C-alpha cells in the first residue's frame, strides 16, 4: 500500500463539501446602539408603543398587536435610483428594539464580491424579525432585495408583515408639497438632519469610493442611512398617535380633514364627523373650508343630521362658496326630506341664475343647466299634482 492510499484510509482526512467550515463573512458591519432615552425629533425611542399600529381596527391597513421587538426597520442605499437588474444595494441598514436599546446595523459592501455574504447576513436578520417596516419599501427596497437574493441563488426571506409608512403618510399629509421622508422629518416630527448628502448623489459617491477605496467617502451615506432608519421609528410613533387621536397631537385643519376622510372611507361615521367638525374650526382658508363643509354635510346626511347640513348649505350659498353643490343639496333636502316642493323649485331657479352668471368659468355649464332643467320639470310636475 502506497502513501497516498494510506492517507485516504486515515480517519478524519476525508471531508464532504457540506462539512467544510464556511469562511467568515467578509461584509463590513457598522453598528450603533441607542439607549431608549435617545430623542429623535419630537419623540424619544422609549415612547414607541409596545403595541404599535392599533389604528382603530385596521384604519390604514396596518397590522395590530405587534410588540416593538417584533419589528425590523429597514432602508437601503443603492447604486441606482430607478432599480433594475444592474442595481445593487451596497448598504442595507436595519434597526430593531432589543431590551433597553435600539440596535442599528448597517451592512456595507466594500466591493461587489461581498454581496453574497451581505445578503446571507441580512436574510438571517429578516427571518429573525419578519415584520418589516420601510418607507417606500414595498415598491423599491424589498423588491430590489428579492431580485438580488435570486441573482445570488439565495431564497428570499418570507415576511409575516410589511408595513410601508409611505402609504399612511400620503393619506395623512397629502396636503403637503412633498411626502418624502426628509420633508416629513422637519414638517411633522421636528427633526433637523443638518448637513446631509442628497439621495440623488449617493450612487455617484459610492462609485467614487470604489475607484479610490477611501472609506471616508462612505461616511456621509452611512449617516444619511442612519437618519432615514431612526426617522422611521419616530414617524411610525407619530402616525400611531394621530390615528388613535392622542391628546398630545397638535391638530391643524388639513391634518384633521385628511384623517376625517380616512375615517369616512372606512365607514366610521361618528369619528369622521368629529374630525371634519374639528377641521372646520381649525381651517385657515376658504378653499379648505369648502372642501371640509362638502364632506361634513355628506356625513351629516348619512347620520340623519339634516338640520346641521341645511345650516351649512345655507351659509355656503350666502358666501357664494362651493359652486352649485349647496344649491342642489338644499333643493334635494326640500324635495325629498321636507316635501317642500315650492322651496325646492325656488332654489333650482336661483341655481340656474347662479350657473348662468358663472358660465364663462364653467366649461360644462350647459350640461349642468340641462340637469337643473330636468330637476325643475320634475318639481313643477309634483306641484301640479297637489
Protein backbone atom coordinates (compact mmCIF):
# COMPACT_ATOMS: atom_id res chain seq x y z
CA UNK A 1 0.00 0.00 0.00
CA UNK A 2 1.49 3.31 -1.06
CA UNK A 3 1.46 6.51 0.96
CA UNK A 4 -1.47 8.05 -0.94
CA UNK A 5 -3.67 5.00 -0.24
CA UNK A 6 -2.71 5.04 3.45
CA UNK A 7 -3.63 8.71 3.75
CA UNK A 8 -7.03 8.06 2.16
CA UNK A 9 -7.81 5.47 4.84
CA UNK A 10 -6.73 7.63 7.77
CA UNK A 11 -9.74 8.79 9.84
CA UNK A 12 -10.78 12.43 9.61
CA UNK A 13 -8.91 13.12 6.41
CA UNK A 14 -11.85 12.93 4.04
CA UNK A 15 -14.47 15.65 4.46
CA UNK A 16 -17.58 16.27 2.46
CA UNK A 17 -18.14 19.66 0.86
CA UNK A 18 -21.02 20.25 3.26
CA UNK A 19 -18.89 19.66 6.36
CA UNK A 20 -16.11 22.02 5.42
CA UNK A 21 -16.04 25.08 7.63
CA UNK A 22 -17.50 28.14 5.97
CA UNK A 23 -15.31 31.15 5.53
CA UNK A 24 -16.25 34.07 7.78
CA UNK A 25 -18.48 36.73 6.28
CA UNK A 26 -16.45 39.48 4.66
CA UNK A 27 -19.17 42.16 4.57
CA UNK A 28 -18.45 45.20 6.69
CA UNK A 29 -20.76 45.92 9.65
CA UNK A 30 -21.26 49.39 11.06
CA UNK A 31 -23.13 49.05 14.36
CA UNK A 32 -24.58 51.70 16.64
CA UNK A 33 -26.64 51.27 19.81
CA UNK A 34 -29.09 53.87 21.06
CA UNK A 35 -30.46 53.99 24.61
CA UNK A 36 -34.24 54.26 24.75
CA UNK A 37 -33.81 57.75 26.21
CA UNK A 38 -32.38 58.91 22.85
CA UNK A 39 -34.53 61.63 21.30
CA UNK A 40 -35.03 61.85 17.54
CA UNK A 41 -37.11 64.89 16.74
CA UNK A 42 -40.26 65.11 18.84
CA UNK A 43 -40.01 61.60 20.29
CA UNK A 44 -37.73 59.54 22.48
CA UNK A 45 -37.27 55.95 21.38
CA UNK A 46 -38.90 54.74 24.60
CA UNK A 47 -42.15 56.44 23.54
CA UNK A 48 -42.60 53.95 20.73
CA UNK A 49 -45.53 51.83 21.85
CA UNK A 50 -45.25 48.21 22.95
CA UNK A 51 -48.35 47.58 20.84
CA UNK A 52 -47.94 49.75 17.76
CA UNK A 53 -50.33 50.29 14.90
CA UNK A 54 -53.55 49.81 16.85
CA UNK A 55 -55.18 52.16 14.40
CA UNK A 56 -58.88 51.88 15.03
CA UNK A 57 -59.43 48.46 13.51
CA UNK A 58 -57.09 48.43 10.52
CA UNK A 59 -57.83 52.02 9.57
CA UNK A 60 -54.67 52.37 7.50
CA UNK A 61 -54.26 48.71 6.65
CA UNK A 62 -51.63 48.23 9.35
CA UNK A 63 -51.32 45.06 11.44
CA UNK A 64 -52.40 45.08 15.06
CA UNK A 65 -50.88 43.70 18.22
CA UNK A 66 -47.21 43.58 17.22
CA UNK A 67 -44.74 44.18 20.02
CA UNK A 68 -41.97 46.58 19.06
CA UNK A 69 -39.37 43.82 19.48
CA UNK A 70 -41.00 42.00 16.57
CA UNK A 71 -40.36 44.84 14.12
CA UNK A 72 -37.37 45.35 11.83
CA UNK A 73 -36.87 48.83 10.34
CA UNK A 74 -35.01 48.63 7.03
CA UNK A 75 -33.63 51.02 4.44
CA UNK A 76 -31.19 50.52 1.57
CA UNK A 77 -28.69 52.67 -0.30
CA UNK A 78 -28.26 51.55 -3.88
CA UNK A 79 -26.15 52.03 -7.00
CA UNK A 80 -29.14 53.39 -8.92
CA UNK A 81 -32.35 55.23 -8.10
CA UNK A 82 -34.56 53.62 -10.74
CA UNK A 83 -33.89 50.00 -9.80
CA UNK A 84 -33.41 47.37 -12.49
CA UNK A 85 -31.26 44.26 -12.86
CA UNK A 86 -27.97 46.13 -12.56
CA UNK A 87 -28.88 47.98 -9.37
CA UNK A 88 -27.21 46.71 -6.19
CA UNK A 89 -27.99 47.56 -2.56
CA UNK A 90 -24.45 48.30 -1.42
CA UNK A 91 -25.68 49.34 2.04
CA UNK A 92 -28.53 47.66 3.91
CA UNK A 93 -29.41 49.30 7.20
CA UNK A 94 -31.65 47.68 9.81
CA UNK A 95 -32.74 48.71 13.30
CA UNK A 96 -34.61 46.78 15.98
CA UNK A 97 -35.58 47.09 19.63
CA UNK A 98 -33.56 44.84 21.93
CA UNK A 99 -34.14 45.21 25.65
CA UNK A 100 -33.31 48.72 26.78
CA UNK A 101 -31.82 49.90 23.48
CA UNK A 102 -32.28 50.14 19.74
CA UNK A 103 -29.61 48.39 17.69
CA UNK A 104 -28.73 49.84 14.29
CA UNK A 105 -26.81 47.57 11.91
CA UNK A 106 -25.56 48.73 8.52
CA UNK A 107 -24.11 46.03 6.26
CA UNK A 108 -21.86 47.62 3.66
CA UNK A 109 -20.35 46.10 0.51
CA UNK A 110 -16.81 47.34 0.17
CA UNK A 111 -16.84 45.73 -3.26
CA UNK A 112 -19.19 43.65 -5.37
CA UNK A 113 -17.70 40.30 -4.31
CA UNK A 114 -19.05 40.88 -0.78
CA UNK A 115 -22.69 40.89 -1.88
CA UNK A 116 -23.41 37.16 -1.20
CA UNK A 117 -22.11 37.48 2.37
CA UNK A 118 -24.07 40.69 2.86
CA UNK A 119 -27.30 39.10 1.68
CA UNK A 120 -26.85 35.99 3.82
CA UNK A 121 -26.47 38.06 6.98
CA UNK A 122 -29.41 40.29 6.06
CA UNK A 123 -31.59 37.29 5.30
CA UNK A 124 -30.85 35.83 8.71
CA UNK A 125 -31.79 39.09 10.42
CA UNK A 126 -35.05 39.41 8.46
CA UNK A 127 -36.00 35.83 9.30
CA UNK A 128 -35.47 36.60 12.99
CA UNK A 129 -37.84 39.58 12.79
CA UNK A 130 -40.11 39.08 9.81
CA UNK A 131 -42.30 42.15 10.38
CA UNK A 132 -40.62 44.70 8.14
CA UNK A 133 -41.08 48.47 8.43
CA UNK A 134 -39.91 50.60 5.49
CA UNK A 135 -40.59 53.88 3.75
CA UNK A 136 -41.46 53.14 0.12
CA UNK A 137 -40.05 49.67 0.66
CA UNK A 138 -42.94 47.82 -0.94
CA UNK A 139 -42.26 49.44 -4.30
CA UNK A 140 -38.49 49.80 -4.11
CA UNK A 141 -36.32 48.38 -1.30
CA UNK A 142 -37.77 44.92 -0.79
CA UNK A 143 -38.41 44.07 -4.49
CA UNK A 144 -34.82 45.11 -5.21
CA UNK A 145 -33.53 42.90 -2.38
CA UNK A 146 -35.62 39.96 -3.59
CA UNK A 147 -34.05 40.31 -7.04
CA UNK A 148 -30.57 40.39 -5.51
CA UNK A 149 -31.30 37.29 -3.43
CA UNK A 150 -32.45 35.42 -6.53
CA UNK A 151 -29.49 36.58 -8.63
CA UNK A 152 -27.17 35.30 -5.89
CA UNK A 153 -29.03 31.96 -5.77
CA UNK A 154 -30.47 32.62 -2.34
CA UNK A 155 -34.06 32.01 -1.34
CA UNK A 156 -35.62 35.41 -0.49
CA UNK A 157 -36.87 35.70 3.10
CA UNK A 158 -40.63 35.45 3.65
CA UNK A 159 -42.28 38.30 5.55
CA UNK A 160 -45.12 38.00 8.01
CA UNK A 161 -45.96 41.69 7.59
CA UNK A 162 -44.58 44.57 5.56
CA UNK A 163 -45.52 47.98 6.92
CA UNK A 164 -44.74 50.68 4.36
CA UNK A 165 -45.03 54.04 6.12
CA UNK A 166 -45.19 55.95 2.85
CA UNK A 167 -48.82 54.95 2.27
CA UNK A 168 -50.32 56.16 5.58
CA UNK A 169 -48.06 59.24 5.36
CA UNK A 170 -49.53 60.14 1.97
CA UNK A 171 -53.03 59.75 3.37
CA UNK A 172 -52.39 61.88 6.45
CA UNK A 173 -50.26 64.61 4.86
CA UNK A 174 -51.44 64.70 1.27
CA UNK A 175 -51.82 68.47 1.56
CA UNK A 176 -48.05 68.91 1.88
CA UNK A 177 -45.96 69.72 -1.21
CA UNK A 178 -43.85 66.62 -0.57
CA UNK A 179 -44.32 63.42 1.42
CA UNK A 180 -40.69 62.36 1.18
CA UNK A 181 -39.17 61.13 4.43
CA UNK A 182 -36.86 64.13 4.56
CA UNK A 183 -39.80 66.55 4.11
CA UNK A 184 -41.81 64.81 6.83
CA UNK A 185 -38.86 64.98 9.20
CA UNK A 186 -38.87 68.74 9.53
CA UNK A 187 -42.59 69.34 8.91
CA UNK A 188 -44.03 66.54 11.05
CA UNK A 189 -41.59 65.00 13.53
CA UNK A 190 -39.45 68.12 14.06
CA UNK A 191 -36.11 66.55 13.19
CA UNK A 192 -33.34 68.56 11.55
CA UNK A 193 -30.62 66.46 9.93
CA UNK A 194 -28.22 69.29 9.42
CA UNK A 195 -25.72 68.78 6.57
CA UNK A 196 -26.79 65.72 4.58
CA UNK A 197 -25.92 64.13 1.27
CA UNK A 198 -28.75 64.29 -1.24
CA UNK A 199 -30.19 60.90 -2.15
CA UNK A 200 -29.52 61.54 -5.84
CA UNK A 201 -25.79 61.84 -5.09
CA UNK A 202 -25.48 58.52 -3.28
CA UNK A 203 -24.77 56.27 -6.32
CA UNK A 204 -22.11 58.61 -7.68
CA UNK A 205 -20.49 58.85 -4.24
CA UNK A 206 -20.33 55.05 -3.97
CA UNK A 207 -18.78 54.68 -7.42
CA UNK A 208 -16.18 57.26 -6.41
CA UNK A 209 -15.43 55.17 -3.32
CA UNK A 210 -14.96 52.06 -5.49
CA UNK A 211 -12.35 53.92 -7.52
CA UNK A 212 -10.44 55.46 -4.63
CA UNK A 213 -11.11 52.90 -1.85
CA UNK A 214 -11.31 55.80 0.57
CA UNK A 215 -13.82 54.70 3.22
CA UNK A 216 -14.36 58.29 4.36
CA UNK A 217 -16.37 58.78 1.15
CA UNK A 218 -18.99 56.40 2.59
CA UNK A 219 -19.37 58.29 5.88
CA UNK A 220 -21.99 60.78 4.59
CA UNK A 221 -24.02 57.87 3.18
CA UNK A 222 -23.78 55.95 6.45
CA UNK A 223 -25.11 59.00 8.33
CA UNK A 224 -27.86 59.52 5.73
CA UNK A 225 -28.98 55.90 6.02
CA UNK A 226 -28.87 56.06 9.83
CA UNK A 227 -31.12 59.14 9.89
CA UNK A 228 -33.57 57.50 7.46
CA UNK A 229 -33.99 54.46 9.68
CA UNK A 230 -34.29 56.22 13.05
CA UNK A 231 -36.69 58.73 11.48
CA UNK A 232 -38.96 55.84 10.54
CA UNK A 233 -39.28 54.91 14.20
CA UNK A 234 -40.33 58.46 15.13
CA UNK A 235 -42.67 58.71 12.14
CA UNK A 236 -44.35 55.39 12.95
CA UNK A 237 -44.84 56.62 16.51
CA UNK A 238 -46.41 59.84 15.26
CA UNK A 239 -48.75 58.06 12.85
CA UNK A 240 -49.98 55.82 15.64
CA UNK A 241 -50.69 58.80 17.91
CA UNK A 242 -52.63 60.57 15.17
CA UNK A 243 -54.88 57.68 14.17
CA UNK A 244 -55.60 56.97 17.83
CA UNK A 245 -56.50 60.65 18.40
CA UNK A 246 -53.98 61.07 21.22
CA UNK A 247 -54.20 64.28 23.26
CA UNK A 248 -50.55 65.06 22.51
CA UNK A 249 -51.27 65.78 18.83
CA UNK A 250 -51.34 69.41 17.75
CA UNK A 251 -54.04 69.45 15.11
CA UNK A 252 -54.38 71.72 12.11
CA UNK A 253 -57.24 71.96 9.64
CA UNK A 254 -55.60 69.94 6.88
CA UNK A 255 -54.48 67.11 9.13
CA UNK A 256 -57.89 66.81 10.79
CA UNK A 257 -59.58 66.88 7.38
CA UNK A 258 -57.30 64.17 5.97
CA UNK A 259 -57.89 61.88 8.93
CA UNK A 260 -61.62 62.55 8.76
CA UNK A 261 -61.53 61.45 5.14
CA UNK A 262 -59.73 58.23 6.12
CA UNK A 263 -62.39 57.52 8.75
CA UNK A 264 -65.08 58.25 6.16
CA UNK A 265 -63.60 55.73 3.71
CA UNK A 266 -63.58 53.15 6.49
CA UNK A 267 -67.26 53.82 7.28
CA UNK A 268 -66.53 55.18 10.75
CA UNK A 269 -69.28 57.78 10.66
CA UNK A 270 -69.06 59.34 14.12
CA UNK A 271 -65.29 59.68 14.01
CA UNK A 272 -65.32 61.21 10.53
CA UNK A 273 -67.94 63.78 11.61
CA UNK A 274 -65.93 64.65 14.72
CA UNK A 275 -62.73 65.15 12.69
CA UNK A 276 -64.49 67.21 10.00
CA UNK A 277 -66.05 69.43 12.66
CA UNK A 278 -62.63 69.89 14.23
CA UNK A 279 -61.13 70.67 10.83
CA UNK A 280 -63.84 73.28 10.23
CA UNK A 281 -62.81 75.07 13.41
CA UNK A 282 -59.11 74.92 12.54
CA UNK A 283 -59.17 75.70 8.82
CA UNK A 284 -57.39 78.80 7.58
CA UNK A 285 -58.66 79.23 4.01
CA UNK A 286 -61.99 79.43 2.17
CA UNK A 287 -60.87 76.70 -0.21
CA UNK A 288 -60.21 74.25 2.60
CA UNK A 289 -63.40 75.33 4.39
CA UNK A 290 -65.45 74.50 1.31
CA UNK A 291 -63.86 71.05 0.98
CA UNK A 292 -64.48 70.36 4.67
CA UNK A 293 -68.10 71.51 4.58
CA UNK A 294 -68.79 69.46 1.46
CA UNK A 295 -67.58 66.30 3.16
CA UNK A 296 -69.16 67.19 6.50
CA UNK A 297 -72.64 67.74 5.08
CA UNK A 298 -72.49 64.40 3.27
CA UNK A 299 -71.70 62.74 6.57
CA UNK A 300 -74.47 64.68 8.30
CA UNK A 301 -76.88 63.33 5.67
CA UNK A 302 -75.74 59.77 6.32
CA UNK A 303 -76.24 60.28 10.04
CA UNK A 304 -79.69 61.86 9.54
CA UNK A 305 -78.48 65.21 10.92
CA UNK A 306 -80.22 67.24 8.24
CA UNK A 307 -80.65 70.41 10.31
CA UNK A 308 -76.88 70.78 10.66
CA UNK A 309 -76.37 70.11 6.96
CA UNK A 310 -79.04 72.67 5.99
CA UNK A 311 -77.37 75.31 8.10
CA UNK A 312 -74.05 74.79 6.31
CA UNK A 313 -75.61 74.71 2.81
CA UNK A 314 -77.36 77.99 3.50
CA UNK A 315 -74.13 79.52 4.74
CA UNK A 316 -72.27 78.34 1.62
CA UNK A 317 -74.95 79.91 -0.60
CA UNK A 318 -74.76 83.21 1.26
CA UNK A 319 -70.99 83.28 0.94
CA UNK A 320 -71.06 82.06 -2.68
CA UNK A 321 -68.84 79.07 -1.98
CA UNK A 322 -68.98 75.56 -3.37
CA UNK A 323 -70.44 76.32 -6.79
CA UNK A 324 -73.72 74.54 -7.48
CA UNK A 325 -73.22 71.99 -4.72
CA UNK A 326 -75.05 73.76 -1.85
CA UNK A 327 -77.92 74.86 -4.14
CA UNK A 328 -78.56 71.33 -5.38
CA UNK A 329 -78.13 69.68 -1.98
CA UNK A 330 -80.52 72.12 -0.34
CA UNK A 331 -83.04 71.62 -3.14
CA UNK A 332 -82.77 67.85 -2.63
CA UNK A 333 -83.45 68.30 1.07
CA UNK A 334 -86.61 70.38 0.49
CA UNK A 335 -87.84 67.96 -2.16
CA UNK A 336 -87.12 64.60 -0.54
CA UNK A 337 -86.99 65.28 3.20
CA UNK A 338 -89.17 68.32 3.88
CA UNK A 339 -91.58 67.69 0.96
CA UNK A 340 -91.48 71.44 0.36
CA UNK A 341 -91.60 71.41 -3.44
CA UNK A 342 -92.11 75.15 -3.70
CA UNK A 343 -88.92 75.97 -1.80
CA UNK A 344 -87.04 73.34 -3.77
CA UNK A 345 -88.28 74.85 -7.05
CA UNK A 346 -87.22 78.34 -6.00
CA UNK A 347 -83.76 77.06 -5.15
CA UNK A 348 -83.37 75.37 -8.54
CA UNK A 349 -84.41 78.54 -10.33
CA UNK A 350 -81.89 80.52 -8.29
CA UNK A 351 -79.27 77.89 -9.04
CA UNK A 352 -79.88 78.36 -12.79
CA UNK A 353 -79.28 82.09 -12.45
CA UNK A 354 -76.15 81.45 -10.40
CA UNK A 355 -74.88 78.98 -13.02
CA UNK A 356 -75.55 81.42 -15.86
CA UNK A 357 -73.58 84.13 -14.06
CA UNK A 358 -70.61 81.74 -13.84
CA UNK A 359 -70.90 80.31 -17.35
CA UNK A 360 -67.58 81.78 -18.52
CA UNK A 361 -65.73 79.86 -15.79
CA UNK A 362 -67.55 76.51 -16.09
CA UNK A 363 -66.72 74.52 -19.22
CA UNK A 364 -69.69 72.12 -18.91
CA UNK A 365 -72.23 74.71 -17.78
CA UNK A 366 -74.71 73.67 -20.49
CA UNK A 367 -74.74 70.07 -19.24
CA UNK A 368 -75.23 71.34 -15.70
CA UNK A 369 -78.06 73.59 -16.88
CA UNK A 370 -79.73 70.59 -18.54
CA UNK A 371 -79.59 68.74 -15.22
CA UNK A 372 -81.21 71.68 -13.44
CA UNK A 373 -83.90 71.91 -16.12
CA UNK A 374 -84.72 68.23 -15.60
CA UNK A 375 -84.98 68.77 -11.83
CA UNK A 376 -87.15 71.84 -12.40
CA UNK A 377 -89.58 69.92 -14.63
CA UNK A 378 -89.93 67.18 -12.04
CA UNK A 379 -90.70 69.70 -9.28
CA UNK A 380 -93.24 71.54 -11.44
CA UNK A 381 -94.93 68.21 -12.15
CA UNK A 382 -95.07 67.38 -8.41
CA UNK A 383 -96.52 70.79 -7.62
CA UNK A 384 -99.14 70.41 -10.33
CA UNK A 385 -100.34 67.12 -8.81
CA UNK A 386 -101.02 68.71 -5.41
